[in-house]
Amino acid sequence: MGAKGRALPAQGLLEGVSMEQIPLSLPVLPIRNAVLFPAVSMPLVVGRGRSIQAVEYAHGKDGFLLVVAQKHSESEDPGVKDIYEVATLCKIDGIHRTEEEGRQVVVTGVARYRLLDLKISEQGFLTAQGELLSDLHSQDAIRNEALFYQLKEMARQVVQLLPGTTD
């Protein structure tokens, strides 16, 4: 077990982040129609009251936030049952107010994170405790090469479907 009772991932956290930096309970930001992955930076427009509170709380503390996809995008006020159980632990890189009283937040995914104990905080936003999830890496070089080839071929096919592309 790692710091604060969580299992350490087989592959480390994003460079520059240690287990000791990650709080036991983290604010949760549900997002619609998107999934954020570790080692990826993404700008997010945050407009719902509880979500703004979660972002402001995280930014004022240590900058860590759990970003998780909603199960149904039409849900305006997602609760515990409305989000998936695997999130991405993120670090807030920047936050700016928008003209519509929302926030523009840039986050970078640090690691995959399983949500185990979701609650609504005293401040009114979702919080969670959980565990870091390790990434699975195959040691089979032939399989890895075949998967990479398949991925390249699928990308080529997708590009051919785009308007205005030629061979």
Foldseek 3Di string as FASTA:
>chain_A
DDPPPADAAPDHWDPPDDPVLDDQKAFEAEDEPDAAAAQDKDKDKFDQPQNQVRQVVCVVPRQKYWYWYFPDRVDRADDPVGTDQKTFIWGWPDWDADPNRIIITMIHGTFIWGFDDWDQDPVGGIMGGTYTYYDDDDPDPVVVVVVVVVVVVVVVVVVVPDPPDDD
